[in-house]
């Protein structure tokens, strides 16, 4: 009987964690809503080259994730889990790449540890639960760089073809970053490890560049033909160059932003992460430390590159998570203290337990009216029952870490499973109800009306997904129905509220009423009865 490439129990566990409750919460605006609506809209417009939001071109990301989401919803329909399915599959593929690599270059036990750490680390598991391009990019970057190491150990043209094909798919997923990171890592590793000949062979492998161009170039050419200079300005300049040079959308932070958030992005493995830090000295070691050198160079390139970038989003550092996962698995025995193991899970669950009490403080620091409205609603959802569930999860985690039957690192894996269950079955669904339920209810109300609707001064594209229809984004004309925010109705002189849920309203613009006496007609408003 042929031996399975991976134990069935291990594959089932990893898959279950990545696919946990994908349909259990609504789409989050703006990222999930934007990606999902851009994908859904391709079918309505019958245009699978250019993506749009409402009636505006969306240049944020290249096309591959949209094509994969389109394939998913063409089979399963426009269910929220179908939009997330490519990300979950990418997360699973990412973890499997780590498993097979570690089994080959370290050992089978470390491979099992690595895939379990990857699946249960909150950042990796989290990015695989949302309908964006990031899980796919991370999977492709991991496969590219792990293939580069294989090439360094056994140079062959087949490996080079694979590397160039993977980089091309990465460029179709997020752009130049899919080439920039692998090239920087390869240059530093190969040229400092006595592998100059292999490096130049790889860089000047013309057939590989041909494969790269054949895969990556056609969509870029077609999109330029369709959109011209707007594509260059919107995609390359705004969403690549400007994102590095300027803090876009308020996403900034100091040089030490990523070192501070990283232990929590890899929760519950913060203690294990800190214990492997001394192995960074292997970066200057002998040829026997080539793997560690490669892994640390990979992580440090990502850390320095994105610490220097002006726009800082927490998930950017996940491009360097793969080498850390492998290092944590390889040196898992360095973690011996159970009390130290407790620190980061304790902090995380303490935040969850205290979350209902933190809402007033969070609300006090907000200025955006819709965020304030969401914070007000949050008090109804994040209640005593939520805190009790968080406390139960914390106690279970505490017991698992202190139970001496298991090694500290494996206890953290089990805590990671508890953490995933709490986050995806309790916290995220609760937060989704707080933030996104009004949008969903508004879309269902408009569906029942069966009339055209216009998006009026609001940017929540998940509305279109639930409505299953593109809406124009413009000012309302008299008689038209509009999807709007309550705090932005001052620009409309005459309207009737047909539906309201939280800060989200469905209105109909009405004709000006005749003034009484000298009172100007423009001051009159007609407000209907609000519905919950």
Protein backbone atom coordinates (compact mmCIF):
# COMPACT_ATOMS: atom_id res chain seq x y z
CA UNK A 1 0.00 0.00 0.00
CA UNK A 2 1.42 3.36 -1.04
CA UNK A 3 2.19 5.74 1.81
CA UNK A 4 0.22 9.01 1.80
CA UNK A 5 2.32 12.18 1.13
CA UNK A 6 0.85 13.67 4.31
CA UNK A 7 -0.95 12.02 7.25
CA UNK A 8 -4.72 12.23 6.69
CA UNK A 9 -5.35 13.57 10.22
CA UNK A 10 -2.86 16.37 9.61
CA UNK A 11 -4.35 17.41 6.27
CA UNK A 12 -7.88 17.29 7.70
CA UNK A 13 -6.88 19.44 10.69
CA UNK A 14 -5.12 22.06 8.58
CA UNK A 15 -7.94 22.20 6.01
CA UNK A 16 -10.58 22.50 8.74
CA UNK A 17 -8.81 25.47 10.32
CA UNK A 18 -8.44 27.29 6.99
CA UNK A 19 -12.06 26.67 5.96
CA UNK A 20 -13.53 27.32 9.41
CA UNK A 21 -16.91 29.13 9.17
CA UNK A 22 -16.18 30.87 5.83
CA UNK A 23 -19.90 31.51 5.39
CA UNK A 24 -20.54 32.59 8.96
CA UNK A 25 -20.08 36.36 8.59
CA UNK A 26 -20.96 39.08 6.09
CA UNK A 27 -18.50 40.66 3.67
CA UNK A 28 -16.45 43.45 5.23
CA UNK A 29 -16.23 46.78 3.45
CA UNK A 30 -14.09 48.09 1.97
CA UNK A 31 -11.61 45.38 1.03
CA UNK A 32 -13.80 42.29 0.87
CA UNK A 33 -16.75 44.23 -0.48
CA UNK A 34 -14.59 45.91 -3.12
CA UNK A 35 -12.95 42.70 -4.34
CA UNK A 36 -16.24 40.79 -4.33
CA UNK A 37 -18.24 43.45 -6.13
CA UNK A 38 -15.49 44.00 -8.70
CA UNK A 39 -15.61 40.25 -9.41
CA UNK A 40 -19.41 40.04 -9.48
CA UNK A 41 -19.62 43.11 -11.72
CA UNK A 42 -17.45 41.45 -14.39
CA UNK A 43 -20.33 39.07 -15.15
CA UNK A 44 -22.90 41.88 -15.31
CA UNK A 45 -20.71 43.94 -17.64
CA UNK A 46 -19.36 40.90 -19.50
CA UNK A 47 -15.90 42.44 -19.13
CA UNK A 48 -13.23 40.15 -17.65
CA UNK A 49 -10.28 42.45 -18.33
CA UNK A 50 -11.14 45.64 -16.42
CA UNK A 51 -12.61 45.69 -12.92
CA UNK A 52 -15.04 48.35 -11.70
CA UNK A 53 -16.67 49.51 -8.50
CA UNK A 54 -20.10 50.93 -9.21
CA UNK A 55 -19.39 52.75 -12.49
CA UNK A 56 -15.74 53.61 -11.73
CA UNK A 57 -12.63 51.73 -12.86
CA UNK A 58 -10.77 49.93 -10.05
CA UNK A 59 -6.98 49.86 -10.56
CA UNK A 60 -6.04 48.63 -7.06
CA UNK A 61 -4.95 45.09 -7.99
CA UNK A 62 -4.21 43.04 -11.12
CA UNK A 63 -6.64 40.46 -12.42
CA UNK A 64 -5.75 36.98 -11.14
CA UNK A 65 -7.66 37.01 -7.85
CA UNK A 66 -10.74 38.32 -9.66
CA UNK A 67 -10.54 35.51 -12.20
CA UNK A 68 -10.27 32.94 -9.40
CA UNK A 69 -13.19 34.46 -7.53
CA UNK A 70 -15.14 34.57 -10.79
CA UNK A 71 -14.50 30.86 -11.32
CA UNK A 72 -15.69 30.17 -7.78
CA UNK A 73 -18.96 32.13 -7.97
CA UNK A 74 -19.69 30.78 -11.46
CA UNK A 75 -19.81 27.33 -9.83
CA UNK A 76 -21.22 28.09 -6.37
CA UNK A 77 -23.12 31.35 -6.90
CA UNK A 78 -22.63 34.71 -5.19
CA UNK A 79 -22.41 33.32 -1.67
CA UNK A 80 -19.98 35.05 0.66
CA UNK A 81 -18.02 31.83 1.18
CA UNK A 82 -17.60 31.44 -2.60
CA UNK A 83 -15.82 34.80 -2.79
CA UNK A 84 -13.54 33.67 0.08
CA UNK A 85 -12.90 30.19 -1.31
CA UNK A 86 -9.82 31.14 -3.43
CA UNK A 87 -8.21 32.72 -0.36
CA UNK A 88 -8.86 29.63 1.76
CA UNK A 89 -7.44 27.38 -0.95
CA UNK A 90 -4.43 29.68 -1.25
CA UNK A 91 -3.89 29.52 2.51
CA UNK A 92 -4.06 25.73 2.43
CA UNK A 93 -1.65 25.60 -0.53
CA UNK A 94 0.70 27.98 1.30
CA UNK A 95 0.78 25.69 4.33
CA UNK A 96 1.28 22.57 2.19
CA UNK A 97 4.23 24.21 0.41
CA UNK A 98 5.82 24.77 3.81
CA UNK A 99 5.17 21.16 4.84
CA UNK A 100 6.77 19.54 1.81
CA UNK A 101 9.73 21.93 1.85
CA UNK A 102 10.49 21.35 5.54
CA UNK A 103 10.07 17.60 5.19
CA UNK A 104 12.70 17.61 2.46
CA UNK A 105 15.24 20.00 3.99
CA UNK A 106 14.75 19.47 7.73
CA UNK A 107 12.74 16.40 8.82
CA UNK A 108 9.20 15.00 8.92
CA UNK A 109 8.49 15.97 12.54
CA UNK A 110 9.50 19.57 11.87
CA UNK A 111 7.34 19.54 8.74
CA UNK A 112 4.30 18.54 10.80
CA UNK A 113 5.11 21.27 13.32
CA UNK A 114 5.54 23.86 10.55
CA UNK A 115 2.21 23.16 8.86
CA UNK A 116 0.36 23.26 12.19
CA UNK A 117 2.01 26.55 13.14
CA UNK A 118 1.20 28.04 9.74
CA UNK A 119 -2.44 26.97 9.92
CA UNK A 120 -3.09 28.27 13.44
CA UNK A 121 -1.07 31.52 13.44
CA UNK A 122 -3.69 34.26 13.52
CA UNK A 123 -2.25 36.38 10.69
CA UNK A 124 -1.83 33.52 8.21
CA UNK A 125 -5.17 31.95 9.11
CA UNK A 126 -6.84 35.35 9.07
CA UNK A 127 -5.65 36.43 5.63
CA UNK A 128 -6.98 33.12 4.25
CA UNK A 129 -10.45 33.92 5.61
CA UNK A 130 -11.03 37.13 3.64
CA UNK A 131 -11.89 37.72 -0.01
CA UNK A 132 -8.78 39.70 -0.99
CA UNK A 133 -5.61 39.06 -3.01
CA UNK A 134 -3.24 38.72 -0.05
CA UNK A 135 -3.48 34.99 0.71
CA UNK A 136 -2.90 34.19 -2.96
CA UNK A 137 0.10 36.52 -3.16
CA UNK A 138 1.60 35.04 0.01
CA UNK A 139 1.17 31.50 -1.32
CA UNK A 140 2.85 32.45 -4.61
CA UNK A 141 5.69 34.32 -2.87
CA UNK A 142 6.29 31.35 -0.56
CA UNK A 143 6.32 28.90 -3.47
CA UNK A 144 8.67 31.18 -5.46
CA UNK A 145 11.23 31.64 -2.71
CA UNK A 146 11.17 28.04 -1.51
CA UNK A 147 11.76 27.00 -5.12
CA UNK A 148 14.73 29.39 -5.24
CA UNK A 149 16.28 27.58 -2.29
CA UNK A 150 15.72 24.24 -4.00
CA UNK A 151 17.50 25.63 -7.06
CA UNK A 152 20.43 26.73 -4.90
CA UNK A 153 20.82 23.16 -3.66
CA UNK A 154 20.23 21.38 -6.97
CA UNK A 155 20.42 23.79 -9.94
CA UNK A 156 18.28 22.70 -12.88
CA UNK A 157 16.29 24.36 -15.61
CA UNK A 158 12.98 22.79 -14.53
CA UNK A 159 13.21 24.63 -11.23
CA UNK A 160 13.95 27.89 -13.05
CA UNK A 161 10.90 27.51 -15.29
CA UNK A 162 8.79 27.01 -12.17
CA UNK A 163 10.27 30.08 -10.46
CA UNK A 164 9.57 32.36 -13.40
CA UNK A 165 6.04 31.00 -13.82
CA UNK A 166 5.31 31.60 -10.13
CA UNK A 167 6.66 35.15 -10.27
CA UNK A 168 4.47 35.82 -13.30
CA UNK A 169 1.38 34.63 -11.44
CA UNK A 170 2.43 36.85 -8.52
CA UNK A 171 2.66 39.84 -10.85
CA UNK A 172 -0.86 39.02 -12.04
CA UNK A 173 -1.95 38.97 -8.40
CA UNK A 174 -0.41 42.15 -6.98
CA UNK A 175 2.15 43.60 -9.35
CA UNK A 176 5.92 44.32 -9.15
CA UNK A 177 6.27 43.26 -5.49
CA UNK A 178 6.08 39.62 -6.64
CA UNK A 179 9.36 40.11 -8.50
CA UNK A 180 11.04 42.67 -6.25
CA UNK A 181 11.04 40.57 -3.07
CA UNK A 182 12.32 37.32 -4.67
CA UNK A 183 15.06 39.15 -6.59
CA UNK A 184 16.30 41.03 -3.51
CA UNK A 185 16.31 37.87 -1.40
CA UNK A 186 18.02 35.84 -4.14
CA UNK A 187 20.69 38.47 -4.71
CA UNK A 188 21.61 38.72 -1.03
CA UNK A 189 21.51 34.97 -0.42
CA UNK A 190 23.26 33.68 -3.54
CA UNK A 191 25.94 36.35 -3.65
CA UNK A 192 26.85 35.94 0.03
CA UNK A 193 26.81 32.15 -0.01
CA UNK A 194 29.35 31.39 -2.70
CA UNK A 195 26.62 30.81 -5.28
CA UNK A 196 27.40 33.62 -7.74
CA UNK A 197 27.47 31.28 -10.73
CA UNK A 198 24.00 29.90 -9.90
CA UNK A 199 22.66 33.42 -9.37
CA UNK A 200 23.80 34.74 -12.74
CA UNK A 201 22.55 31.56 -14.42
CA UNK A 202 19.11 32.16 -12.92
CA UNK A 203 19.00 35.89 -13.66
CA UNK A 204 19.98 35.48 -17.31
CA UNK A 205 17.84 32.42 -17.98
CA UNK A 206 16.17 33.77 -21.13
CA UNK A 207 13.62 30.94 -21.55
CA UNK A 208 12.41 31.72 -18.02
CA UNK A 209 11.86 35.38 -18.87
CA UNK A 210 9.94 34.29 -21.97
CA UNK A 211 7.68 32.14 -19.80
CA UNK A 212 7.27 35.11 -17.43
CA UNK A 213 6.25 37.45 -20.27
CA UNK A 214 3.89 34.94 -21.87
CA UNK A 215 2.02 34.49 -18.58
CA UNK A 216 2.10 38.00 -17.11
CA UNK A 217 2.17 40.41 -20.05
CA UNK A 218 -1.10 39.73 -21.97
CA UNK A 219 -3.43 41.11 -19.31
CA UNK A 220 -1.26 44.22 -18.77
CA UNK A 221 -1.21 44.86 -22.51
CA UNK A 222 -4.98 44.40 -22.83
CA UNK A 223 -5.67 46.62 -19.83
CA UNK A 224 -3.40 49.36 -21.20
CA UNK A 225 -5.18 49.15 -24.54
CA UNK A 226 -8.52 49.48 -22.77
CA UNK A 227 -7.62 52.23 -20.28
CA UNK A 228 -4.47 53.89 -21.64
CA UNK A 229 -2.54 56.29 -19.41
CA UNK A 230 -5.17 56.05 -16.69
CA UNK A 231 -4.00 52.49 -16.06
CA UNK A 232 -0.37 53.58 -15.72
CA UNK A 233 -1.30 56.43 -13.41
CA UNK A 234 -3.82 54.47 -11.36
CA UNK A 235 -2.08 51.10 -10.96
CA UNK A 236 1.67 51.67 -11.24
CA UNK A 237 1.98 55.22 -9.91
CA UNK A 238 -0.83 55.47 -7.34
CA UNK A 239 -1.06 51.92 -5.99
CA UNK A 240 2.61 50.97 -6.22
CA UNK A 241 4.99 53.95 -6.27
CA UNK A 242 2.84 56.28 -4.17
CA UNK A 243 1.96 53.52 -1.70
CA UNK A 244 5.67 53.14 -0.97
CA UNK A 245 6.50 56.86 -0.91
CA UNK A 246 3.40 58.19 0.85
CA UNK A 247 1.16 56.94 3.66
CA UNK A 248 -2.05 56.25 1.80
CA UNK A 249 -5.47 56.30 3.52
CA UNK A 250 -3.85 57.11 6.86
CA UNK A 251 -1.97 53.79 7.08
CA UNK A 252 1.31 55.00 8.53
CA UNK A 253 3.56 53.98 11.41
CA UNK A 254 7.11 54.26 12.66
CA UNK A 255 10.10 52.13 11.70
CA UNK A 256 9.39 49.73 14.58
CA UNK A 257 5.74 49.21 13.64
CA UNK A 258 6.25 45.69 12.29
CA UNK A 259 8.47 44.32 15.08
CA UNK A 260 5.76 45.40 17.54
CA UNK A 261 2.81 43.85 15.69
CA UNK A 262 4.57 40.69 14.48
CA UNK A 263 4.28 38.62 17.71
CA UNK A 264 0.53 39.24 17.66
CA UNK A 265 0.17 38.51 13.94
CA UNK A 266 1.79 35.15 14.65
CA UNK A 267 -0.24 34.61 17.85
CA UNK A 268 -0.32 32.42 19.80
CA UNK A 269 3.34 31.78 18.92
CA UNK A 270 4.78 35.09 20.13
CA UNK A 271 6.96 33.42 22.78
CA UNK A 272 8.33 30.87 20.31
CA UNK A 273 9.04 33.69 17.85
CA UNK A 274 11.11 35.54 20.44
CA UNK A 275 12.99 32.38 21.39
CA UNK A 276 14.24 31.84 17.81
CA UNK A 277 15.58 35.38 17.44
CA UNK A 278 19.12 34.38 18.55
CA UNK A 279 19.35 32.02 15.55
CA UNK A 280 19.72 35.13 13.39
CA UNK A 281 23.46 34.72 14.01
CA UNK A 282 23.34 31.81 11.55
CA UNK A 283 23.01 34.39 8.80
CA UNK A 284 26.80 34.82 9.00
CA UNK A 285 27.52 31.15 9.65
CA UNK A 286 29.15 28.44 7.57
CA UNK A 287 27.73 26.56 4.60
CA UNK A 288 26.11 24.16 7.07
CA UNK A 289 23.76 27.00 8.04
CA UNK A 290 22.63 27.84 4.50
CA UNK A 291 18.98 27.16 5.18
CA UNK A 292 18.88 29.41 8.24
CA UNK A 293 20.79 32.09 6.35
CA UNK A 294 18.27 31.95 3.52
CA UNK A 295 15.29 32.11 5.87
CA UNK A 296 16.64 35.03 7.88
CA UNK A 297 17.64 36.98 4.75
CA UNK A 298 14.12 36.45 3.39
CA UNK A 299 12.48 37.76 6.56
CA UNK A 300 14.86 40.70 7.01
CA UNK A 301 14.42 41.84 3.41
CA UNK A 302 10.65 42.00 3.95
CA UNK A 303 11.03 43.65 7.36
CA UNK A 304 13.40 46.40 6.16
CA UNK A 305 11.59 46.99 2.86
CA UNK A 306 8.17 47.52 4.41
CA UNK A 307 9.52 49.34 7.45
CA UNK A 308 10.97 51.90 5.03
CA UNK A 309 7.70 52.13 3.07
CA UNK A 310 5.41 54.98 4.07
CA UNK A 311 2.17 52.98 3.82
CA UNK A 312 2.09 50.38 6.59
CA UNK A 313 -0.59 47.74 6.83
CA UNK A 314 -0.11 44.90 9.33
CA UNK A 315 -0.54 42.12 6.77
CA UNK A 316 2.40 43.34 4.64
CA UNK A 317 4.83 41.70 7.07
CA UNK A 318 3.19 38.34 6.34
CA UNK A 319 5.30 38.26 3.16
CA UNK A 320 8.08 37.37 5.57
CA UNK A 321 6.06 34.99 7.76
CA UNK A 322 6.96 31.79 5.90
CA UNK A 323 10.65 31.76 6.94
CA UNK A 324 9.67 32.51 10.53
CA UNK A 325 7.22 29.59 10.55
CA UNK A 326 9.96 27.26 9.30
CA UNK A 327 12.45 28.57 11.86
CA UNK A 328 9.92 28.21 14.68
CA UNK A 329 9.23 24.63 13.65
CA UNK A 330 12.92 23.81 13.30
CA UNK A 331 13.85 25.27 16.69
CA UNK A 332 10.59 24.59 18.54
CA UNK A 333 12.49 22.83 21.33
CA UNK A 334 13.99 26.20 22.34
CA UNK A 335 10.67 27.10 23.95
CA UNK A 336 10.65 25.43 27.36
CA UNK A 337 8.96 27.94 29.67
CA UNK A 338 5.21 27.46 29.96
CA UNK A 339 4.81 30.79 31.76
CA UNK A 340 6.52 32.59 28.88
CA UNK A 341 4.28 30.68 26.47
CA UNK A 342 1.28 32.15 28.29
CA UNK A 343 2.17 35.80 27.77
CA UNK A 344 0.83 36.50 24.27
CA UNK A 345 -2.30 34.32 24.47
CA UNK A 346 -3.07 35.99 27.81
CA UNK A 347 -2.76 39.47 26.28
CA UNK A 348 -4.92 38.55 23.30
CA UNK A 349 -7.72 36.96 25.31
CA UNK A 350 -7.57 39.74 27.90
CA UNK A 351 -8.36 42.19 25.09
CA UNK A 352 -11.29 40.02 23.98
CA UNK A 353 -12.63 39.73 27.53
CA UNK A 354 -12.35 43.48 28.07
CA UNK A 355 -13.64 44.40 24.62
CA UNK A 356 -17.19 45.31 25.76
CA UNK A 357 -15.66 47.68 28.33
CA UNK A 358 -13.33 49.21 25.74
CA UNK A 359 -16.10 50.23 23.34
CA UNK A 360 -16.85 53.61 25.03
CA UNK A 361 -13.13 54.48 24.98
CA UNK A 362 -12.88 53.47 21.32
CA UNK A 363 -15.98 55.51 20.50
CA UNK A 364 -14.57 58.59 22.23
CA UNK A 365 -11.56 58.57 19.91
CA UNK A 366 -13.58 58.32 16.69
CA UNK A 367 -14.46 61.23 14.40
CA UNK A 368 -16.07 59.48 11.44
CA UNK A 369 -19.87 59.57 11.96
CA UNK A 370 -20.46 56.11 10.54
CA UNK A 371 -17.71 54.64 12.74
CA UNK A 372 -19.31 56.32 15.74
CA UNK A 373 -22.65 54.79 14.77
CA UNK A 374 -21.03 51.37 14.50
CA UNK A 375 -19.45 51.81 17.94
CA UNK A 376 -22.87 52.68 19.36
CA UNK A 377 -24.33 49.50 17.86
CA UNK A 378 -21.40 47.45 19.14
CA UNK A 379 -22.62 47.78 22.71
CA UNK A 380 -25.68 45.71 21.80
CA UNK A 381 -23.59 42.88 20.34
CA UNK A 382 -20.43 42.78 22.44
CA UNK A 383 -22.20 42.07 25.68
CA UNK A 384 -21.71 40.02 28.82
CA UNK A 385 -22.24 36.75 26.95
CA UNK A 386 -19.39 37.64 24.60
CA UNK A 387 -17.07 38.35 27.54
CA UNK A 388 -18.03 35.04 29.17
CA UNK A 389 -17.23 33.10 25.97
CA UNK A 390 -13.88 34.91 25.73
CA UNK A 391 -13.13 34.02 29.35
CA UNK A 392 -13.98 30.35 28.72
CA UNK A 393 -11.66 30.29 25.69
CA UNK A 394 -8.93 31.92 27.80
CA UNK A 395 -9.29 29.34 30.57
CA UNK A 396 -9.14 26.46 28.08
CA UNK A 397 -6.01 28.00 26.57
CA UNK A 398 -4.46 28.40 30.02
CA UNK A 399 -5.16 24.75 30.85
CA UNK A 400 -3.67 23.55 27.55
CA UNK A 401 -0.44 25.49 28.07
CA UNK A 402 -0.01 24.34 31.66
CA UNK A 403 -0.86 20.69 30.92
CA UNK A 404 2.52 18.97 31.04
CA UNK A 405 1.40 16.10 28.86
CA UNK A 406 2.16 18.29 25.84
CA UNK A 407 5.33 20.14 24.88
CA UNK A 408 5.02 23.95 25.05
CA UNK A 409 5.05 24.42 21.27
CA UNK A 410 2.31 21.82 20.73
CA UNK A 411 0.24 23.35 23.52
CA UNK A 412 0.41 26.61 21.57
CA UNK A 413 -0.84 24.81 18.45
CA UNK A 414 -3.90 23.64 20.39
CA UNK A 415 -4.34 27.16 21.75
CA UNK A 416 -4.20 28.33 18.13
CA UNK A 417 -7.13 26.04 17.32
CA UNK A 418 -9.11 27.42 20.29
CA UNK A 419 -8.15 30.92 19.16
CA UNK A 420 -9.37 30.22 15.61
CA UNK A 421 -12.68 28.81 16.87
CA UNK A 422 -13.28 31.88 19.03
CA UNK A 423 -12.27 34.39 16.36
CA UNK A 424 -14.16 32.90 13.41
CA UNK A 425 -17.20 31.57 15.28
CA UNK A 426 -17.67 34.32 17.89
CA UNK A 427 -15.64 37.53 17.47
CA UNK A 428 -15.71 38.06 13.70
CA UNK A 429 -19.42 37.14 13.26
CA UNK A 430 -20.28 39.50 16.13
CA UNK A 431 -18.20 42.31 14.65
CA UNK A 432 -19.71 41.61 11.23
CA UNK A 433 -23.22 41.97 12.60
CA UNK A 434 -22.25 45.26 14.21
CA UNK A 435 -20.71 46.76 11.10
CA UNK A 436 -22.23 45.04 8.08
CA UNK A 437 -25.78 43.93 8.97
CA UNK A 438 -27.32 47.35 8.11
CA UNK A 439 -25.86 47.16 4.58
CA UNK A 440 -27.20 43.65 4.05
CA UNK A 441 -30.67 44.62 5.35
CA UNK A 442 -30.75 47.69 3.10
CA UNK A 443 -29.96 45.55 0.06
CA UNK A 444 -32.73 43.09 0.95
CA UNK A 445 -35.20 45.98 1.32
CA UNK A 446 -34.31 47.33 -2.12
CA UNK A 447 -34.65 43.85 -3.60
CA UNK A 448 -38.20 43.72 -2.29
CA UNK A 449 -38.94 47.14 -3.81
CA UNK A 450 -37.82 45.87 -7.20
CA UNK A 451 -36.83 49.33 -8.45
CA UNK A 452 -33.48 50.80 -9.64
CA UNK A 453 -31.29 52.32 -6.94
CA UNK A 454 -28.46 54.87 -6.96
CA UNK A 455 -25.50 54.91 -4.55
CA UNK A 456 -25.52 58.33 -2.92
CA UNK A 457 -22.39 59.54 -1.09
CA UNK A 458 -21.38 56.20 0.40
CA UNK A 459 -18.63 53.66 -0.29
CA UNK A 460 -19.84 50.23 0.83
CA UNK A 461 -19.69 48.02 -2.27
CA UNK A 462 -20.94 44.90 -0.48
CA UNK A 463 -24.38 46.49 -0.97
CA UNK A 464 -24.07 45.76 -4.70
CA UNK A 465 -23.05 42.17 -3.98
CA UNK A 466 -26.14 41.54 -1.83
CA UNK A 467 -28.32 43.39 -4.31
CA UNK A 468 -26.63 41.47 -7.15
CA UNK A 469 -26.63 44.57 -9.31
CA UNK A 470 -24.28 47.42 -10.29
CA UNK A 471 -25.46 50.78 -8.98
CA UNK A 472 -24.45 54.18 -10.30
CA UNK A 473 -22.66 56.40 -7.82
CA UNK A 474 -24.02 59.92 -8.25
CA UNK A 475 -26.45 62.47 -6.89
CA UNK A 476 -30.12 61.52 -6.82
CA UNK A 477 -32.63 62.93 -9.23
CA UNK A 478 -36.22 63.63 -8.20
CA UNK A 479 -38.15 60.39 -7.77
CA UNK A 480 -35.08 58.15 -7.62
CA UNK A 481 -34.27 55.68 -4.81
CA UNK A 482 -30.87 56.07 -3.12
CA UNK A 483 -28.57 54.03 -0.87
CA UNK A 484 -26.96 56.50 1.53
CA UNK A 485 -25.45 57.32 4.92
CA UNK A 486 -27.59 59.16 7.44
CA UNK A 487 -24.82 61.65 8.22
CA UNK A 488 -24.49 62.65 4.56
CA UNK A 489 -28.10 63.56 3.83
CA UNK A 490 -27.58 67.29 4.39
CA UNK A 491 -26.65 67.74 0.73
CA UNK A 492 -30.15 66.61 -0.31
CA UNK A 493 -32.88 69.17 0.18
CA UNK A 494 -35.98 67.02 -0.15
CA UNK A 495 -36.18 63.32 0.56
CA UNK A 496 -38.18 60.63 2.26
CA UNK A 497 -36.56 57.89 4.32
CA UNK A 498 -37.98 54.56 3.20
CA UNK A 499 -35.76 52.34 5.33
CA UNK A 500 -33.14 52.76 8.03
CA UNK A 501 -30.86 50.30 9.81
CA UNK A 502 -28.21 51.90 11.98
CA UNK A 503 -26.51 54.66 9.97
CA UNK A 504 -27.57 53.14 6.63
CA UNK A 505 -30.67 54.53 4.89
CA UNK A 506 -32.67 53.96 1.73
CA UNK A 507 -34.23 57.25 0.63
CA UNK A 508 -36.33 58.61 -2.19
CA UNK A 509 -35.71 62.11 -3.42
CA UNK A 510 -38.90 64.11 -3.64
CA UNK A 511 -39.93 67.23 -5.49
CA UNK A 512 -39.67 70.54 -3.58
CA UNK A 513 -42.83 71.34 -1.63
CA UNK A 514 -44.35 74.74 -2.17
CA UNK A 515 -43.24 77.25 0.42
CA UNK A 516 -45.68 78.64 2.91
CA UNK A 517 -45.60 82.40 2.95
CA UNK A 518 -42.02 83.61 2.61
CA UNK A 519 -40.46 80.32 3.86
CA UNK A 520 -38.15 79.01 1.14
CA UNK A 521 -39.20 75.62 -0.22
CA UNK A 522 -35.61 74.35 -0.06
CA UNK A 523 -35.79 74.13 3.73
CA UNK A 524 -38.60 71.56 3.75
CA UNK A 525 -37.87 67.86 4.14
CA UNK A 526 -40.17 64.87 4.12
CA UNK A 527 -39.16 62.09 6.46
CA UNK A 528 -40.94 58.76 6.42
CA UNK A 529 -41.13 56.28 9.24
CA UNK A 530 -37.82 54.61 9.99
CA UNK A 531 -37.72 50.85 9.97
CA UNK A 532 -35.33 48.89 12.17
